[in-house]
Amino acid sequence: MSIKVGDKLPDVKLGMLTDDGMQTPSTTEYFAGSKVALFAVPGAFTPTCSAAHLPGYVVHGDALKAKGIDKIACVSVNDAFVMQAWGRSANAEGQVDMLADGNGELASALGLEMDASGFLMGKRCQRFSMVVDDGVVTQLHVEAPGDFNVSAAEYLLENL
């Protein structure tokens, strides 16, 4: 069963590489006391994710924060080193926290895992956006397979 609006996020460890080294906050720790715009991508450096998804949140980051968002986070089933490199390549540092769900535990716990084996990518996370307020999902927008609409920064911004 997939997570829904009103649910508390499952407690899962994530990876985040910072200037201070590897951080492994749990979702409970990361989302506590903050209103977070969280979006997920099937993979770092993939075409749609790199050309539109992450850049949209970089471009609209200030507008999202002006509407009450405290933090913006991107999650993908990749390791923290890849997520950091992708964030740097997209000029997302300081704007978007790049969270690694290296083992796909968050994707699975959310019920938003997908099988991308046909693309030689294994188990991944579906593309989605959500607003999480102090660990509770207040908005959830899951894309239909192959689509990129409701998880875009522009869509989330319109719905805040």
C-alpha atoms as a PDB file:
ATOM      1  CA  MET A   1       0.000   0.000   0.000  1.00  0.00           C
ATOM      2  CA  SER A   2       1.275   3.463  -0.893  1.00  0.00           C
ATOM      3  CA  ILE A   3       1.683   6.323   1.509  1.00  0.00           C
ATOM      4  CA  LYS A   4      -1.113   8.872   1.427  1.00  0.00           C
ATOM      5  CA  VAL A   5      -1.856  12.392   2.609  1.00  0.00           C
ATOM      6  CA  GLY A   6      -2.088  12.443   6.405  1.00  0.00           C
ATOM      7  CA  ASP A   7       0.398   9.595   6.882  1.00  0.00           C
ATOM      8  CA  LYS A   8       3.632   9.968   8.797  1.00  0.00           C
ATOM      9  CA  LEU A   9       6.754   9.137   6.804  1.00  0.00           C
ATOM     10  CA  PRO A  10       8.302   5.781   7.644  1.00  0.00           C
ATOM     11  CA  ASP A  11      11.527   5.952   9.647  1.00  0.00           C
ATOM     12  CA  VAL A  12      14.310   5.099   7.185  1.00  0.00           C
ATOM     13  CA  LYS A  13      17.992   6.090   7.061  1.00  0.00           C
ATOM     14  CA  LEU A  14      19.133   8.210   4.114  1.00  0.00           C
ATOM     15  CA  GLY A  15      22.592   9.207   2.941  1.00  0.00           C
ATOM     16  CA  MET A  16      23.725  12.763   2.373  1.00  0.00           C
ATOM     17  CA  LEU A  17      27.272  13.749   1.529  1.00  0.00           C
ATOM     18  CA  THR A  18      28.161  17.213   2.823  1.00  0.00           C
ATOM     19  CA  ASP A  19      31.319  19.224   3.357  1.00  0.00           C
ATOM     20  CA  ASP A  20      31.406  17.585   6.801  1.00  0.00           C
ATOM     21  CA  GLY A  21      31.414  14.106   5.271  1.00  0.00           C
ATOM     22  CA  MET A  22      28.775  11.401   5.090  1.00  0.00           C
ATOM     23  CA  GLN A  23      25.599  12.096   7.041  1.00  0.00           C
ATOM     24  CA  THR A  24      22.962   9.407   7.585  1.00  0.00           C
ATOM     25  CA  PRO A  25      19.880  11.128   8.971  1.00  0.00           C
ATOM     26  CA  SER A  26      16.712   9.163   9.455  1.00  0.00           C
ATOM     27  CA  THR A  27      13.603  10.541   7.846  1.00  0.00           C
ATOM     28  CA  THR A  28      12.324  11.251  11.350  1.00  0.00           C
ATOM     29  CA  GLU A  29      15.390  13.433  12.045  1.00  0.00           C
ATOM     30  CA  TYR A  30      15.548  15.129   8.641  1.00  0.00           C
ATOM     31  CA  PHE A  31      11.861  16.096   8.429  1.00  0.00           C
ATOM     32  CA  ALA A  32      11.347  17.015  12.110  1.00  0.00           C
ATOM     33  CA  GLY A  33      10.158  20.570  12.657  1.00  0.00           C
ATOM     34  CA  SER A  34      10.346  21.528   8.983  1.00  0.00           C
ATOM     35  CA  LYS A  35       8.047  21.929   6.027  1.00  0.00           C
ATOM     36  CA  VAL A  36       9.841  20.134   3.204  1.00  0.00           C
ATOM     37  CA  ALA A  37       9.200  19.926  -0.520  1.00  0.00           C
ATOM     38  CA  LEU A  38      10.399  16.416  -1.346  1.00  0.00           C
ATOM     39  CA  PHE A  39      10.629  15.117  -4.869  1.00  0.00           C
ATOM     40  CA  ALA A  40      11.820  11.770  -6.131  1.00  0.00           C
ATOM     41  CA  VAL A  41      13.421  10.764  -9.384  1.00  0.00           C
ATOM     42  CA  PRO A  42      14.107   7.323 -10.865  1.00  0.00           C
ATOM     43  CA  GLY A  43      17.806   8.102 -11.199  1.00  0.00           C
ATOM     44  CA  ALA A  44      20.440  10.795 -11.007  1.00  0.00           C
ATOM     45  CA  PHE A  45      21.858  11.952 -14.334  1.00  0.00           C
ATOM     46  CA  THR A  46      18.947  10.427 -16.273  1.00  0.00           C
ATOM     47  CA  PRO A  47      17.514  12.535 -19.143  1.00  0.00           C
ATOM     48  CA  THR A  48      14.255  14.003 -17.768  1.00  0.00           C
ATOM     49  CA  CYS A  49      15.623  14.189 -14.233  1.00  0.00           C
ATOM     50  CA  SER A  50      18.685  16.156 -15.341  1.00  0.00           C
ATOM     51  CA  ALA A  51      17.087  18.308 -18.022  1.00  0.00           C
ATOM     52  CA  ALA A  52      13.928  19.359 -16.192  1.00  0.00           C
ATOM     53  CA  HIS A  53      13.145  17.822 -12.814  1.00  0.00           C
ATOM     54  CA  LEU A  54      16.086  18.879 -10.619  1.00  0.00           C
ATOM     55  CA  PRO A  55      16.679  22.164 -12.514  1.00  0.00           C
ATOM     56  CA  GLY A  56      13.045  23.173 -11.915  1.00  0.00           C
ATOM     57  CA  TYR A  57      13.515  22.977  -8.166  1.00  0.00           C
ATOM     58  CA  VAL A  58      16.758  24.940  -8.398  1.00  0.00           C
ATOM     59  CA  VAL A  59      15.084  27.684 -10.452  1.00  0.00           C
ATOM     60  CA  HIS A  60      11.927  27.836  -8.300  1.00  0.00           C
ATOM     61  CA  GLY A  61      13.584  27.233  -4.926  1.00  0.00           C
ATOM     62  CA  ASP A  62      13.200  30.802  -3.698  1.00  0.00           C
ATOM     63  CA  ALA A  63       9.546  30.930  -4.773  1.00  0.00           C
ATOM     64  CA  LEU A  64       8.830  27.664  -2.929  1.00  0.00           C
ATOM     65  CA  LYS A  65      10.504  29.018   0.187  1.00  0.00           C
ATOM     66  CA  ALA A  66       8.515  32.252  -0.107  1.00  0.00           C
ATOM     67  CA  LYS A  67       5.373  30.094   0.118  1.00  0.00           C
ATOM     68  CA  GLY A  68       6.459  28.499   3.404  1.00  0.00           C
ATOM     69  CA  ILE A  69       8.772  25.673   2.379  1.00  0.00           C
ATOM     70  CA  ASP A  70      11.759  25.409   4.742  1.00  0.00           C
ATOM     71  CA  LYS A  71      13.794  22.855   2.794  1.00  0.00           C
ATOM     72  CA  ILE A  72      13.773  21.281  -0.634  1.00  0.00           C
ATOM     73  CA  ALA A  73      15.017  17.713  -0.977  1.00  0.00           C
ATOM     74  CA  CYS A  74      15.558  15.359  -3.873  1.00  0.00           C
ATOM     75  CA  VAL A  75      15.654  11.606  -3.246  1.00  0.00           C
ATOM     76  CA  SER A  76      16.732   8.837  -5.574  1.00  0.00           C
ATOM     77  CA  VAL A  77      17.816   5.221  -5.381  1.00  0.00           C
ATOM     78  CA  ASN A  78      21.461   6.144  -5.904  1.00  0.00           C
ATOM     79  CA  ASP A  79      24.409   6.397  -3.552  1.00  0.00           C
ATOM     80  CA  ALA A  80      25.324   9.610  -1.745  1.00  0.00           C
ATOM     81  CA  PHE A  81      28.415  10.171  -3.902  1.00  0.00           C
ATOM     82  CA  VAL A  82      26.359  10.119  -7.101  1.00  0.00           C
ATOM     83  CA  MET A  83      23.706  12.359  -5.559  1.00  0.00           C
ATOM     84  CA  GLN A  84      26.331  14.897  -4.475  1.00  0.00           C
ATOM     85  CA  ALA A  85      27.974  14.905  -7.926  1.00  0.00           C
ATOM     86  CA  TRP A  86      24.596  15.317  -9.613  1.00  0.00           C
ATOM     87  CA  GLY A  87      23.637  18.166  -7.292  1.00  0.00           C
ATOM     88  CA  ARG A  88      26.922  19.928  -8.015  1.00  0.00           C
ATOM     89  CA  SER A  89      26.517  19.480 -11.763  1.00  0.00           C
ATOM     90  CA  ALA A  90      23.042  21.055 -11.555  1.00  0.00           C
ATOM     91  CA  ASN A  91      24.125  23.956  -9.314  1.00  0.00           C
ATOM     92  CA  ALA A  92      21.749  22.668  -6.637  1.00  0.00           C
ATOM     93  CA  GLU A  93      24.168  23.063  -3.713  1.00  0.00           C
ATOM     94  CA  GLY A  94      22.660  25.233  -0.998  1.00  0.00           C
ATOM     95  CA  GLN A  95      19.258  25.048  -2.700  1.00  0.00           C
ATOM     96  CA  VAL A  96      18.300  21.350  -2.791  1.00  0.00           C
ATOM     97  CA  ASP A  97      19.393  18.649  -0.341  1.00  0.00           C
ATOM     98  CA  MET A  98      20.419  15.566  -2.318  1.00  0.00           C
ATOM     99  CA  LEU A  99      19.248  12.513  -0.377  1.00  0.00           C
ATOM    100  CA  ALA A 100      20.428   9.029  -1.260  1.00  0.00           C
ATOM    101  CA  ASP A 101      18.096   6.086  -0.827  1.00  0.00           C
ATOM    102  CA  GLY A 102      20.899   3.748  -1.782  1.00  0.00           C
ATOM    103  CA  ASN A 103      19.140   0.493  -0.929  1.00  0.00           C
ATOM    104  CA  GLY A 104      15.700   1.658  -2.020  1.00  0.00           C
ATOM    105  CA  GLU A 105      14.383   1.301   1.524  1.00  0.00           C
ATOM    106  CA  LEU A 106      12.462   4.587   1.464  1.00  0.00           C
ATOM    107  CA  ALA A 107      10.950   3.881  -1.953  1.00  0.00           C
ATOM    108  CA  SER A 108       9.808   0.478  -0.722  1.00  0.00           C
ATOM    109  CA  ALA A 109       8.529   1.763   2.648  1.00  0.00           C
ATOM    110  CA  LEU A 110       6.519   4.477   0.867  1.00  0.00           C
ATOM    111  CA  GLY A 111       5.005   1.904  -1.479  1.00  0.00           C
ATOM    112  CA  LEU A 112       6.399   3.915  -4.386  1.00  0.00           C
ATOM    113  CA  GLU A 113       8.997   1.462  -5.666  1.00  0.00           C
ATOM    114  CA  MET A 114       9.110   0.593  -9.346  1.00  0.00           C
ATOM    115  CA  ASP A 115      10.908  -2.075 -11.305  1.00  0.00           C
ATOM    116  CA  ALA A 116      13.176  -0.484 -13.913  1.00  0.00           C
ATOM    117  CA  SER A 117      14.924  -3.753 -14.755  1.00  0.00           C
ATOM    118  CA  GLY A 118      13.839  -3.345 -18.368  1.00  0.00           C
ATOM    119  CA  PHE A 119      16.159  -0.335 -18.500  1.00  0.00           C
ATOM    120  CA  LEU A 120      18.912  -2.213 -16.589  1.00  0.00           C
ATOM    121  CA  MET A 121      18.322   0.014 -13.552  1.00  0.00           C
ATOM    122  CA  GLY A 122      16.805  -2.497 -11.085  1.00  0.00           C
ATOM    123  CA  LYS A 123      14.410  -1.363  -8.363  1.00  0.00           C
ATOM    124  CA  ARG A 124      13.923   2.411  -8.293  1.00  0.00           C
ATOM    125  CA  CYS A 125      11.562   5.025  -6.929  1.00  0.00           C
ATOM    126  CA  GLN A 126       8.583   6.311  -8.860  1.00  0.00           C
ATOM    127  CA  ARG A 127       8.665   9.963  -9.800  1.00  0.00           C
ATOM    128  CA  PHE A 128       6.686  12.016  -7.267  1.00  0.00           C
ATOM    129  CA  SER A 129       6.541  15.235  -5.292  1.00  0.00           C
ATOM    130  CA  MET A 130       5.186  15.741  -1.821  1.00  0.00           C
ATOM    131  CA  VAL A 131       5.029  18.298   0.923  1.00  0.00           C
ATOM    132  CA  VAL A 132       6.003  16.929   4.318  1.00  0.00           C
ATOM    133  CA  ASP A 133       5.211  19.017   7.382  1.00  0.00           C
ATOM    134  CA  ASP A 134       7.038  17.824  10.505  1.00  0.00           C
ATOM    135  CA  GLY A 135       7.126  14.273   9.128  1.00  0.00           C
ATOM    136  CA  VAL A 136       3.502  14.158   7.956  1.00  0.00           C
ATOM    137  CA  VAL A 137       2.562  14.126   4.266  1.00  0.00           C
ATOM    138  CA  THR A 138       0.284  17.082   3.478  1.00  0.00           C
ATOM    139  CA  GLN A 139       0.467  16.856  -0.327  1.00  0.00           C
ATOM    140  CA  LEU A 140       1.341  13.898  -2.569  1.00  0.00           C
ATOM    141  CA  HIS A 141       1.599  13.894  -6.344  1.00  0.00           C
ATOM    142  CA  VAL A 142       2.657  10.612  -7.990  1.00  0.00           C
ATOM    143  CA  GLU A 143       3.379  10.553 -11.699  1.00  0.00           C
ATOM    144  CA  ALA A 144       1.839   8.050 -14.065  1.00  0.00           C
ATOM    145  CA  PRO A 145       4.539   5.855 -15.635  1.00  0.00           C
ATOM    146  CA  GLY A 146       6.552   7.842 -18.163  1.00  0.00           C
ATOM    147  CA  ASP A 147       4.967  11.189 -17.247  1.00  0.00           C
ATOM    148  CA  PHE A 148       6.529  14.357 -15.875  1.00  0.00           C
ATOM    149  CA  ASN A 149       3.818  16.767 -14.775  1.00  0.00           C
ATOM    150  CA  VAL A 150       2.630  16.613 -11.160  1.00  0.00           C
ATOM    151  CA  SER A 151       6.079  16.144  -9.663  1.00  0.00           C
ATOM    152  CA  ALA A 152       7.486  19.275 -11.307  1.00  0.00           C
ATOM    153  CA  ALA A 153       8.457  22.261  -9.182  1.00  0.00           C
ATOM    154  CA  GLU A 154       6.012  24.442 -11.085  1.00  0.00           C
ATOM    155  CA  TYR A 155       3.084  22.139 -10.248  1.00  0.00           C
ATOM    156  CA  LEU A 156       4.008  21.965  -6.589  1.00  0.00           C
ATOM    157  CA  LEU A 157       4.417  25.736  -6.448  1.00  0.00           C
ATOM    158  CA  GLU A 158       0.924  26.245  -7.951  1.00  0.00           C
ATOM    159  CA  ASN A 159      -0.533  23.936  -5.299  1.00  0.00           C
ATOM    160  CA  LEU A 160       0.997  25.556  -2.202  1.00  0.00           C
END
